[in-house]
């Protein structure tokens, strides 16, 4: 089992979760569409050669975003990451993947 965490502007929160759930992420036992989310602020500065969804090259951008966490079975994690990248508005979405251990 893996945990997938990602950061997304509120405008695309539901879109990304829907894509991940369709890829099989967010299932725990007899439940699906399981996720944890909280609002926060992200920041970035687009560099030369970038094509930012928000902001302009060379200018620091601060954005209201959500951090979303959900679990994903081993065999589905690669498809889940592909679904996240395809549904996320950013050119380079920030995400983390953690391997979970059963105790």
PDB file of N, CA and C in Angstrom:
ATOM      1  N   UNK A   1       0.851  -1.175   0.000  1.00  0.00           N
ATOM      2  CA  UNK A   1       0.000   0.000   0.000  1.00  0.00           C
ATOM      3  C   UNK A   1       0.899   1.240   0.000  1.00  0.00           C
ATOM      4  N   UNK A   2       0.435   2.272  -0.660  1.00  0.00           N
ATOM      5  CA  UNK A   2       1.144   3.547  -0.729  1.00  0.00           C
ATOM      6  C   UNK A   2       0.249   4.666  -0.223  1.00  0.00           C
ATOM      7  N   UNK A   3       0.880   5.755   0.201  1.00  0.00           N
ATOM      8  CA  UNK A   3       0.170   6.997   0.468  1.00  0.00           C
ATOM      9  C   UNK A   3       0.630   7.996  -0.581  1.00  0.00           C
ATOM     10  N   UNK A   4      -0.326   8.652  -1.216  1.00  0.00           N
ATOM     11  CA  UNK A   4      -0.050   9.677  -2.210  1.00  0.00           C
ATOM     12  C   UNK A   4      -0.524  11.006  -1.649  1.00  0.00           C
ATOM     13  N   UNK A   5       0.371  11.975  -1.586  1.00  0.00           N
ATOM     14  CA  UNK A   5       0.054  13.321  -1.115  1.00  0.00           C
ATOM     15  C   UNK A   5       0.347  14.293  -2.258  1.00  0.00           C
ATOM     16  N   UNK A   6      -0.526  15.272  -2.427  1.00  0.00           N
ATOM     17  CA  UNK A   6      -0.284  16.259  -3.476  1.00  0.00           C
ATOM     18  C   UNK A   6      -0.871  17.612  -3.088  1.00  0.00           C
ATOM     19  N   UNK A   7      -0.462  18.625  -3.808  1.00  0.00           N
ATOM     20  CA  UNK A   7      -0.860  20.005  -3.558  1.00  0.00           C
ATOM     21  C   UNK A   7      -1.522  20.540  -4.822  1.00  0.00           C
ATOM     22  N   UNK A   8      -2.688  21.193  -4.664  1.00  0.00           N
ATOM     23  CA  UNK A   8      -3.468  21.594  -5.828  1.00  0.00           C
ATOM     24  C   UNK A   8      -4.258  22.867  -5.513  1.00  0.00           C
ATOM     25  N   UNK A   9      -4.380  23.781  -6.482  1.00  0.00           N
ATOM     26  CA  UNK A   9      -5.229  24.951  -6.233  1.00  0.00           C
ATOM     27  C   UNK A   9      -6.683  24.506  -6.063  1.00  0.00           C
ATOM     28  N   UNK A  10      -7.439  25.261  -5.284  1.00  0.00           N
ATOM     29  CA  UNK A  10      -8.819  24.877  -4.972  1.00  0.00           C
ATOM     30  C   UNK A  10      -9.674  24.723  -6.230  1.00  0.00           C
ATOM     31  N   UNK A  11      -9.332  25.419  -7.289  1.00  0.00           N
ATOM     32  CA  UNK A  11     -10.096  25.330  -8.534  1.00  0.00           C
ATOM     33  C   UNK A  11     -10.059  23.936  -9.152  1.00  0.00           C
ATOM     34  N   UNK A  12      -9.051  23.138  -8.799  1.00  0.00           N
ATOM     35  CA  UNK A  12      -8.886  21.812  -9.393  1.00  0.00           C
ATOM     36  C   UNK A  12      -8.893  20.693  -8.353  1.00  0.00           C
ATOM     37  N   UNK A  13      -9.349  21.012  -7.149  1.00  0.00           N
ATOM     38  CA  UNK A  13      -9.381  20.018  -6.075  1.00  0.00           C
ATOM     39  C   UNK A  13     -10.268  18.828  -6.440  1.00  0.00           C
ATOM     40  N   UNK A  14     -11.503  19.086  -6.792  1.00  0.00           N
ATOM     41  CA  UNK A  14     -12.433  17.993  -7.086  1.00  0.00           C
ATOM     42  C   UNK A  14     -12.049  17.244  -8.353  1.00  0.00           C
ATOM     43  N   UNK A  15     -11.553  17.964  -9.341  1.00  0.00           N
ATOM     44  CA  UNK A  15     -11.142  17.337 -10.605  1.00  0.00           C
ATOM     45  C   UNK A  15     -10.041  16.312 -10.378  1.00  0.00           C
ATOM     46  N   UNK A  16      -9.041  16.660  -9.570  1.00  0.00           N
ATOM     47  CA  UNK A  16      -7.934  15.735  -9.321  1.00  0.00           C
ATOM     48  C   UNK A  16      -8.391  14.547  -8.480  1.00  0.00           C
ATOM     49  N   UNK A  17      -9.202  14.801  -7.458  1.00  0.00           N
ATOM     50  CA  UNK A  17      -9.690  13.689  -6.628  1.00  0.00           C
ATOM     51  C   UNK A  17     -10.529  12.724  -7.466  1.00  0.00           C
ATOM     52  N   UNK A  18     -11.388  13.247  -8.320  1.00  0.00           N
ATOM     53  CA  UNK A  18     -12.221  12.398  -9.171  1.00  0.00           C
ATOM     54  C   UNK A  18     -11.362  11.508 -10.059  1.00  0.00           C
ATOM     55  N   UNK A  19     -10.311  12.073 -10.644  1.00  0.00           N
ATOM     56  CA  UNK A  19      -9.409  11.296 -11.502  1.00  0.00           C
ATOM     57  C   UNK A  19      -8.688  10.214 -10.701  1.00  0.00           C
ATOM     58  N   UNK A  20      -8.244  10.538  -9.500  1.00  0.00           N
ATOM     59  CA  UNK A  20      -7.548   9.558  -8.666  1.00  0.00           C
ATOM     60  C   UNK A  20      -8.485   8.451  -8.206  1.00  0.00           C
ATOM     61  N   UNK A  21      -9.690   8.805  -7.818  1.00  0.00           N
ATOM     62  CA  UNK A  21     -10.652   7.780  -7.406  1.00  0.00           C
ATOM     63  C   UNK A  21     -10.981   6.853  -8.578  1.00  0.00           C
ATOM     64  N   UNK A  22     -11.105   7.407  -9.779  1.00  0.00           N
ATOM     65  CA  UNK A  22     -11.382   6.593 -10.973  1.00  0.00           C
ATOM     66  C   UNK A  22     -10.232   5.633 -11.276  1.00  0.00           C
ATOM     67  N   UNK A  23      -8.999   6.031 -10.882  1.00  0.00           N
ATOM     68  CA  UNK A  23      -7.823   5.175 -11.085  1.00  0.00           C
ATOM     69  C   UNK A  23      -7.682   4.126  -9.982  1.00  0.00           C
ATOM     70  N   UNK A  24      -8.572   4.151  -8.995  1.00  0.00           N
ATOM     71  CA  UNK A  24      -8.552   3.148  -7.932  1.00  0.00           C
ATOM     72  C   UNK A  24      -7.928   3.597  -6.630  1.00  0.00           C
ATOM     73  N   UNK A  25      -7.443   4.823  -6.568  1.00  0.00           N
ATOM     74  CA  UNK A  25      -6.864   5.332  -5.318  1.00  0.00           C
ATOM     75  C   UNK A  25      -7.991   5.688  -4.348  1.00  0.00           C
ATOM     76  N   UNK A  26      -7.656   5.760  -3.067  1.00  0.00           N
ATOM     77  CA  UNK A  26      -8.623   6.172  -2.056  1.00  0.00           C
ATOM     78  C   UNK A  26      -9.535   5.066  -1.561  1.00  0.00           C
ATOM     79  N   UNK A  27      -9.129   3.813  -1.713  1.00  0.00           N
ATOM     80  CA  UNK A  27      -9.931   2.690  -1.225  1.00  0.00           C
ATOM     81  C   UNK A  27      -9.320   2.137   0.055  1.00  0.00           C
ATOM     82  N   UNK A  28     -10.160   2.006   1.074  1.00  0.00           N
ATOM     83  CA  UNK A  28      -9.742   1.420   2.349  1.00  0.00           C
ATOM     84  C   UNK A  28     -10.816   0.418   2.755  1.00  0.00           C
ATOM     85  N   UNK A  29     -10.495  -0.862   2.685  1.00  0.00           N
ATOM     86  CA  UNK A  29     -11.464  -1.894   3.035  1.00  0.00           C
ATOM     87  C   UNK A  29     -12.716  -1.786   2.175  1.00  0.00           C
ATOM     88  N   UNK A  30     -13.873  -1.660   2.824  1.00  0.00           N
ATOM     89  CA  UNK A  30     -15.150  -1.568   2.128  1.00  0.00           C
ATOM     90  C   UNK A  30     -15.570  -0.120   1.861  1.00  0.00           C
ATOM     91  N   UNK A  31     -14.611   0.791   1.787  1.00  0.00           N
ATOM     92  CA  UNK A  31     -14.896   2.208   1.540  1.00  0.00           C
ATOM     93  C   UNK A  31     -14.081   2.685   0.346  1.00  0.00           C
ATOM     94  N   UNK A  32     -14.671   3.592  -0.427  1.00  0.00           N
ATOM     95  CA  UNK A  32     -13.907   4.219  -1.497  1.00  0.00           C
ATOM     96  C   UNK A  32     -14.038   5.733  -1.378  1.00  0.00           C
ATOM     97  N   UNK A  33     -13.348   6.441  -2.241  1.00  0.00           N
ATOM     98  CA  UNK A  33     -13.328   7.911  -2.236  1.00  0.00           C
ATOM     99  C   UNK A  33     -12.824   8.465  -0.898  1.00  0.00           C
ATOM    100  N   UNK A  34     -11.913   7.742  -0.244  1.00  0.00           N
ATOM    101  CA  UNK A  34     -11.342   8.181   1.033  1.00  0.00           C
ATOM    102  C   UNK A  34     -10.172   9.124   0.775  1.00  0.00           C
ATOM    103  N   UNK A  35     -10.178  10.259   1.436  1.00  0.00           N
ATOM    104  CA  UNK A  35      -9.084  11.231   1.308  1.00  0.00           C
ATOM    105  C   UNK A  35      -9.097  12.145   2.513  1.00  0.00           C
ATOM    106  N   UNK A  36      -7.973  12.769   2.754  1.00  0.00           N
ATOM    107  CA  UNK A  36      -7.844  13.803   3.773  1.00  0.00           C
ATOM    108  C   UNK A  36      -7.332  15.032   3.055  1.00  0.00           C
ATOM    109  N   UNK A  37      -7.862  16.205   3.392  1.00  0.00           N
ATOM    110  CA  UNK A  37      -7.428  17.430   2.724  1.00  0.00           C
ATOM    111  C   UNK A  37      -7.476  18.592   3.696  1.00  0.00           C
ATOM    112  N   UNK A  38      -6.584  19.555   3.490  1.00  0.00           N
ATOM    113  CA  UNK A  38      -6.618  20.780   4.277  1.00  0.00           C
ATOM    114  C   UNK A  38      -6.068  21.925   3.429  1.00  0.00           C
ATOM    115  N   UNK A  39      -6.561  23.139   3.670  1.00  0.00           N
ATOM    116  CA  UNK A  39      -6.091  24.298   2.909  1.00  0.00           C
ATOM    117  C   UNK A  39      -4.755  24.809   3.445  1.00  0.00           C
ATOM    118  N   UNK A  40      -4.038  25.478   2.580  1.00  0.00           N
ATOM    119  CA  UNK A  40      -2.763  26.092   2.953  1.00  0.00           C
ATOM    120  C   UNK A  40      -2.293  26.996   1.831  1.00  0.00           C
ATOM    121  N   UNK A  41      -1.062  27.440   1.934  1.00  0.00           N
ATOM    122  CA  UNK A  41      -0.477  28.298   0.904  1.00  0.00           C
ATOM    123  C   UNK A  41       0.750  27.633   0.312  1.00  0.00           C
ATOM    124  N   UNK A  42       0.832  27.673  -1.000  1.00  0.00           N
ATOM    125  CA  UNK A  42       2.017  27.207  -1.699  1.00  0.00           C
ATOM    126  C   UNK A  42       2.676  28.386  -2.381  1.00  0.00           C
ATOM    127  N   UNK A  43       3.933  28.250  -2.708  1.00  0.00           N
ATOM    128  CA  UNK A  43       4.615  29.308  -3.443  1.00  0.00           C
ATOM    129  C   UNK A  43       5.584  28.719  -4.439  1.00  0.00           C
ATOM    130  N   UNK A  44       5.836  29.469  -5.497  1.00  0.00           N
ATOM    131  CA  UNK A  44       6.761  29.054  -6.535  1.00  0.00           C
ATOM    132  C   UNK A  44       7.104  30.267  -7.388  1.00  0.00           C
ATOM    133  N   UNK A  45       8.216  30.157  -8.103  1.00  0.00           N
ATOM    134  CA  UNK A  45       8.606  31.196  -9.066  1.00  0.00           C
ATOM    135  C   UNK A  45       8.893  30.497 -10.390  1.00  0.00           C
ATOM    136  N   UNK A  46       8.085  30.740 -11.402  1.00  0.00           N
ATOM    137  CA  UNK A  46       8.331  30.148 -12.717  1.00  0.00           C
ATOM    138  C   UNK A  46       9.647  30.666 -13.303  1.00  0.00           C
ATOM    139  N   UNK A  47      10.473  29.779 -13.787  1.00  0.00           N
ATOM    140  CA  UNK A  47      11.760  30.138 -14.381  1.00  0.00           C
ATOM    141  C   UNK A  47      11.640  30.216 -15.898  1.00  0.00           C
ATOM    142  N   UNK A  48      12.697  30.709 -16.538  1.00  0.00           N
ATOM    143  CA  UNK A  48      12.724  30.773 -18.000  1.00  0.00           C
ATOM    144  C   UNK A  48      12.465  29.396 -18.576  1.00  0.00           C
ATOM    145  N   UNK A  49      11.645  29.338 -19.600  1.00  0.00           N
ATOM    146  CA  UNK A  49      11.315  28.078 -20.244  1.00  0.00           C
ATOM    147  C   UNK A  49      10.053  27.434 -19.692  1.00  0.00           C
ATOM    148  N   UNK A  50       9.548  27.933 -18.566  1.00  0.00           N
ATOM    149  CA  UNK A  50       8.333  27.365 -17.981  1.00  0.00           C
ATOM    150  C   UNK A  50       7.093  27.909 -18.689  1.00  0.00           C
ATOM    151  N   UNK A  51       6.003  27.184 -18.509  1.00  0.00           N
ATOM    152  CA  UNK A  51       4.701  27.623 -19.010  1.00  0.00           C
ATOM    153  C   UNK A  51       3.731  27.554 -17.837  1.00  0.00           C
ATOM    154  N   UNK A  52       3.776  28.542 -16.946  1.00  0.00           N
ATOM    155  CA  UNK A  52       2.990  28.451 -15.711  1.00  0.00           C
ATOM    156  C   UNK A  52       1.482  28.572 -15.932  1.00  0.00           C
ATOM    157  N   UNK A  53       0.736  27.763 -15.203  1.00  0.00           N
ATOM    158  CA  UNK A  53      -0.719  27.861 -15.164  1.00  0.00           C
ATOM    159  C   UNK A  53      -1.119  29.153 -14.463  1.00  0.00           C
ATOM    160  N   UNK A  54      -0.370  29.498 -13.415  1.00  0.00           N
ATOM    161  CA  UNK A  54      -0.582  30.730 -12.651  1.00  0.00           C
ATOM    162  C   UNK A  54       0.722  31.518 -12.605  1.00  0.00           C
ATOM    163  N   UNK A  55       0.636  32.835 -12.574  1.00  0.00           N
ATOM    164  CA  UNK A  55       1.813  33.675 -12.402  1.00  0.00           C
ATOM    165  C   UNK A  55       2.572  33.918 -13.689  1.00  0.00           C
ATOM    166  N   UNK A  56       3.720  34.581 -13.512  1.00  0.00           N
ATOM    167  CA  UNK A  56       4.569  34.943 -14.639  1.00  0.00           C
ATOM    168  C   UNK A  56       6.002  34.527 -14.348  1.00  0.00           C
ATOM    169  N   UNK A  57       6.754  34.276 -15.406  1.00  0.00           N
ATOM    170  CA  UNK A  57       8.156  33.900 -15.255  1.00  0.00           C
ATOM    171  C   UNK A  57       8.896  34.978 -14.461  1.00  0.00           C
ATOM    172  N   UNK A  58       9.712  34.535 -13.516  1.00  0.00           N
ATOM    173  CA  UNK A  58      10.550  35.432 -12.733  1.00  0.00           C
ATOM    174  C   UNK A  58       9.855  36.094 -11.563  1.00  0.00           C
ATOM    175  N   UNK A  59       8.568  35.858 -11.369  1.00  0.00           N
ATOM    176  CA  UNK A  59       7.824  36.497 -10.287  1.00  0.00           C
ATOM    177  C   UNK A  59       7.341  35.444  -9.293  1.00  0.00           C
ATOM    178  N   UNK A  60       7.626  35.668  -8.013  1.00  0.00           N
ATOM    179  CA  UNK A  60       7.193  34.748  -6.967  1.00  0.00           C
ATOM    180  C   UNK A  60       5.673  34.785  -6.863  1.00  0.00           C
ATOM    181  N   UNK A  61       5.064  33.615  -6.863  1.00  0.00           N
ATOM    182  CA  UNK A  61       3.607  33.487  -6.798  1.00  0.00           C
ATOM    183  C   UNK A  61       3.240  32.750  -5.507  1.00  0.00           C
ATOM    184  N   UNK A  62       2.296  33.273  -4.751  1.00  0.00           N
ATOM    185  CA  UNK A  62       1.771  32.623  -3.558  1.00  0.00           C
ATOM    186  C   UNK A  62       0.314  32.282  -3.852  1.00  0.00           C
ATOM    187  N   UNK A  63      -0.047  31.009  -3.639  1.00  0.00           N
ATOM    188  CA  UNK A  63      -1.352  30.503  -4.074  1.00  0.00           C
ATOM    189  C   UNK A  63      -2.036  29.761  -2.932  1.00  0.00           C
ATOM    190  N   UNK A  64      -3.341  29.974  -2.811  1.00  0.00           N
ATOM    191  CA  UNK A  64      -4.148  29.168  -1.893  1.00  0.00           C
ATOM    192  C   UNK A  64      -4.305  27.792  -2.530  1.00  0.00           C
ATOM    193  N   UNK A  65      -3.838  26.763  -1.837  1.00  0.00           N
ATOM    194  CA  UNK A  65      -3.882  25.409  -2.349  1.00  0.00           C
ATOM    195  C   UNK A  65      -4.421  24.468  -1.276  1.00  0.00           C
ATOM    196  N   UNK A  66      -4.709  23.260  -1.683  1.00  0.00           N
ATOM    197  CA  UNK A  66      -5.061  22.192  -0.756  1.00  0.00           C
ATOM    198  C   UNK A  66      -3.977  21.141  -0.788  1.00  0.00           C
ATOM    199  N   UNK A  67      -3.715  20.554   0.385  1.00  0.00           N
ATOM    200  CA  UNK A  67      -2.905  19.349   0.455  1.00  0.00           C
ATOM    201  C   UNK A  67      -3.891  18.196   0.589  1.00  0.00           C
ATOM    202  N   UNK A  68      -3.753  17.204  -0.275  1.00  0.00           N
ATOM    203  CA  UNK A  68      -4.638  16.054  -0.275  1.00  0.00           C
ATOM    204  C   UNK A  68      -3.793  14.803  -0.042  1.00  0.00           C
ATOM    205  N   UNK A  69      -4.282  13.915   0.817  1.00  0.00           N
ATOM    206  CA  UNK A  69      -3.614  12.647   1.084  1.00  0.00           C
ATOM    207  C   UNK A  69      -4.614  11.523   0.873  1.00  0.00           C
ATOM    208  N   UNK A  70      -4.169  10.452   0.223  1.00  0.00           N
ATOM    209  CA  UNK A  70      -4.995   9.264   0.062  1.00  0.00           C
ATOM    210  C   UNK A  70      -4.106   8.052  -0.098  1.00  0.00           C
ATOM    211  N   UNK A  71      -4.694   6.878   0.088  1.00  0.00           N
ATOM    212  CA  UNK A  71      -3.934   5.639  -0.048  1.00  0.00           C
ATOM    213  C   UNK A  71      -4.195   5.028  -1.414  1.00  0.00           C
ATOM    214  N   UNK A  72      -3.298   4.116  -1.792  1.00  0.00           N
ATOM    215  CA  UNK A  72      -3.416   3.472  -3.092  1.00  0.00           C
ATOM    216  C   UNK A  72      -2.738   2.106  -3.029  1.00  0.00           C
ATOM    217  N   UNK A  73      -3.394   1.099  -3.594  1.00  0.00           N
ATOM    218  CA  UNK A  73      -2.823  -0.243  -3.623  1.00  0.00           C
ATOM    219  C   UNK A  73      -1.575  -0.277  -4.507  1.00  0.00           C
ATOM    220  N   UNK A  74      -0.689  -1.201  -4.207  1.00  0.00           N
ATOM    221  CA  UNK A  74       0.583  -1.318  -4.930  1.00  0.00           C
ATOM    222  C   UNK A  74       0.411  -1.336  -6.445  1.00  0.00           C
ATOM    223  N   UNK A  75      -0.490  -2.164  -6.936  1.00  0.00           N
ATOM    224  CA  UNK A  75      -0.644  -2.341  -8.373  1.00  0.00           C
ATOM    225  C   UNK A  75      -1.293  -1.174  -9.093  1.00  0.00           C
ATOM    226  N   UNK A  76      -1.796  -0.205  -8.344  1.00  0.00           N
ATOM    227  CA  UNK A  76      -2.500   0.930  -8.945  1.00  0.00           C
ATOM    228  C   UNK A  76      -1.743   2.248  -8.839  1.00  0.00           C
ATOM    229  N   UNK A  77      -0.626   2.273  -8.106  1.00  0.00           N
ATOM    230  CA  UNK A  77       0.033   3.550  -7.799  1.00  0.00           C
ATOM    231  C   UNK A  77       0.540   4.259  -9.055  1.00  0.00           C
ATOM    232  N   UNK A  78       1.105   3.535  -9.997  1.00  0.00           N
ATOM    233  CA  UNK A  78       1.617   4.194 -11.210  1.00  0.00           C
ATOM    234  C   UNK A  78       0.480   4.818 -12.023  1.00  0.00           C
ATOM    235  N   UNK A  79      -0.636   4.107 -12.147  1.00  0.00           N
ATOM    236  CA  UNK A  79      -1.793   4.670 -12.850  1.00  0.00           C
ATOM    237  C   UNK A  79      -2.370   5.862 -12.090  1.00  0.00           C
ATOM    238  N   UNK A  80      -2.330   5.811 -10.765  1.00  0.00           N
ATOM    239  CA  UNK A  80      -2.831   6.931  -9.962  1.00  0.00           C
ATOM    240  C   UNK A  80      -1.974   8.179 -10.191  1.00  0.00           C
ATOM    241  N   UNK A  81      -0.668   8.018 -10.204  1.00  0.00           N
ATOM    242  CA  UNK A  81       0.217   9.168 -10.446  1.00  0.00           C
ATOM    243  C   UNK A  81      -0.017   9.717 -11.858  1.00  0.00           C
ATOM    244  N   UNK A  82      -0.199   8.841 -12.834  1.00  0.00           N
ATOM    245  CA  UNK A  82      -0.505   9.301 -14.196  1.00  0.00           C
ATOM    246  C   UNK A  82      -1.814  10.087 -14.214  1.00  0.00           C
ATOM    247  N   UNK A  83      -2.824   9.587 -13.495  1.00  0.00           N
ATOM    248  CA  UNK A  83      -4.119  10.281 -13.434  1.00  0.00           C
ATOM    249  C   UNK A  83      -3.968  11.644 -12.755  1.00  0.00           C
ATOM    250  N   UNK A  84      -3.163  11.702 -11.704  1.00  0.00           N
ATOM    251  CA  UNK A  84      -2.924  12.981 -11.036  1.00  0.00           C
ATOM    252  C   UNK A  84      -2.280  13.969 -11.996  1.00  0.00           C
ATOM    253  N   UNK A  85      -1.217  13.547 -12.650  1.00  0.00           N
ATOM    254  CA  UNK A  85      -0.495  14.452 -13.563  1.00  0.00           C
ATOM    255  C   UNK A  85      -1.387  14.908 -14.721  1.00  0.00           C
ATOM    256  N   UNK A  86      -2.245  14.030 -15.223  1.00  0.00           N
ATOM    257  CA  UNK A  86      -3.123  14.376 -16.346  1.00  0.00           C
ATOM    258  C   UNK A  86      -4.242  15.330 -15.935  1.00  0.00           C
ATOM    259  N   UNK A  87      -4.692  15.268 -14.687  1.00  0.00           N
ATOM    260  CA  UNK A  87      -5.820  16.086 -14.232  1.00  0.00           C
ATOM    261  C   UNK A  87      -5.396  17.364 -13.518  1.00  0.00           C
ATOM    262  N   UNK A  88      -4.123  17.478 -13.199  1.00  0.00           N
ATOM    263  CA  UNK A  88      -3.606  18.631 -12.440  1.00  0.00           C
ATOM    264  C   UNK A  88      -3.286  19.773 -13.396  1.00  0.00           C
ATOM    265  N   UNK A  89      -3.595  21.013 -13.013  1.00  0.00           N
ATOM    266  CA  UNK A  89      -3.357  22.135 -13.933  1.00  0.00           C
ATOM    267  C   UNK A  89      -1.895  22.563 -14.047  1.00  0.00           C
ATOM    268  N   UNK A  90      -1.071  22.249 -13.049  1.00  0.00           N
ATOM    269  CA  UNK A  90       0.313  22.722 -13.061  1.00  0.00           C
ATOM    270  C   UNK A  90       1.173  21.913 -14.028  1.00  0.00           C
ATOM    271  N   UNK A  91       2.118  22.585 -14.625  1.00  0.00           N
ATOM    272  CA  UNK A  91       3.090  21.950 -15.512  1.00  0.00           C
ATOM    273  C   UNK A  91       3.921  20.920 -14.747  1.00  0.00           C
ATOM    274  N   UNK A  92       4.273  21.249 -13.506  1.00  0.00           N
ATOM    275  CA  UNK A  92       5.055  20.368 -12.629  1.00  0.00           C
ATOM    276  C   UNK A  92       4.334  20.242 -11.285  1.00  0.00           C
ATOM    277  N   UNK A  93       3.316  19.381 -11.183  1.00  0.00           N
ATOM    278  CA  UNK A  93       2.603  19.262  -9.909  1.00  0.00           C
ATOM    279  C   UNK A  93       3.508  18.710  -8.810  1.00  0.00           C
ATOM    280  N   UNK A  94       3.341  19.238  -7.607  1.00  0.00           N
ATOM    281  CA  UNK A  94       4.095  18.761  -6.454  1.00  0.00           C
ATOM    282  C   UNK A  94       3.331  17.608  -5.812  1.00  0.00           C
ATOM    283  N   UNK A  95       3.984  16.457  -5.694  1.00  0.00           N
ATOM    284  CA  UNK A  95       3.355  15.311  -5.045  1.00  0.00           C
ATOM    285  C   UNK A  95       4.435  14.462  -4.391  1.00  0.00           C
ATOM    286  N   UNK A  96       3.985  13.614  -3.469  1.00  0.00           N
ATOM    287  CA  UNK A  96       4.868  12.723  -2.714  1.00  0.00           C
ATOM    288  C   UNK A  96       4.236  11.339  -2.693  1.00  0.00           C
ATOM    289  N   UNK A  97       5.046  10.301  -2.780  1.00  0.00           N
ATOM    290  CA  UNK A  97       4.570   8.930  -2.683  1.00  0.00           C
ATOM    291  C   UNK A  97       5.361   8.236  -1.581  1.00  0.00           C
ATOM    292  N   UNK A  98       4.630   7.642  -0.628  1.00  0.00           N
ATOM    293  CA  UNK A  98       5.249   6.945   0.497  1.00  0.00           C
ATOM    294  C   UNK A  98       4.798   5.484   0.491  1.00  0.00           C
ATOM    295  N   UNK A  99       5.720   4.576   0.715  1.00  0.00           N
ATOM    296  CA  UNK A  99       5.381   3.161   0.869  1.00  0.00           C
ATOM    297  C   UNK A  99       4.940   2.949   2.316  1.00  0.00           C
ATOM    298  N   UNK A 100       3.810   2.296   2.524  1.00  0.00           N
ATOM    299  CA  UNK A 100       3.280   2.043   3.846  1.00  0.00           C
ATOM    300  C   UNK A 100       3.571   0.600   4.257  1.00  0.00           C
ATOM    301  N   UNK A 101       3.759   0.388   5.529  1.00  0.00           N
ATOM    302  CA  UNK A 101       4.008  -0.932   6.073  1.00  0.00           C
ATOM    303  C   UNK A 101       2.819  -1.373   6.929  1.00  0.00           C
ATOM    304  N   UNK A 102       2.490  -2.639   6.892  1.00  0.00           N
ATOM    305  CA  UNK A 102       1.455  -3.199   7.760  1.00  0.00           C
ATOM    306  C   UNK A 102       2.109  -3.648   9.055  1.00  0.00           C
ATOM    307  N   UNK A 103       1.497  -3.315  10.164  1.00  0.00           N
ATOM    308  CA  UNK A 103       2.029  -3.705  11.475  1.00  0.00           C
ATOM    309  C   UNK A 103       1.064  -4.636  12.177  1.00  0.00           C
TER     310      UNK A 103
END
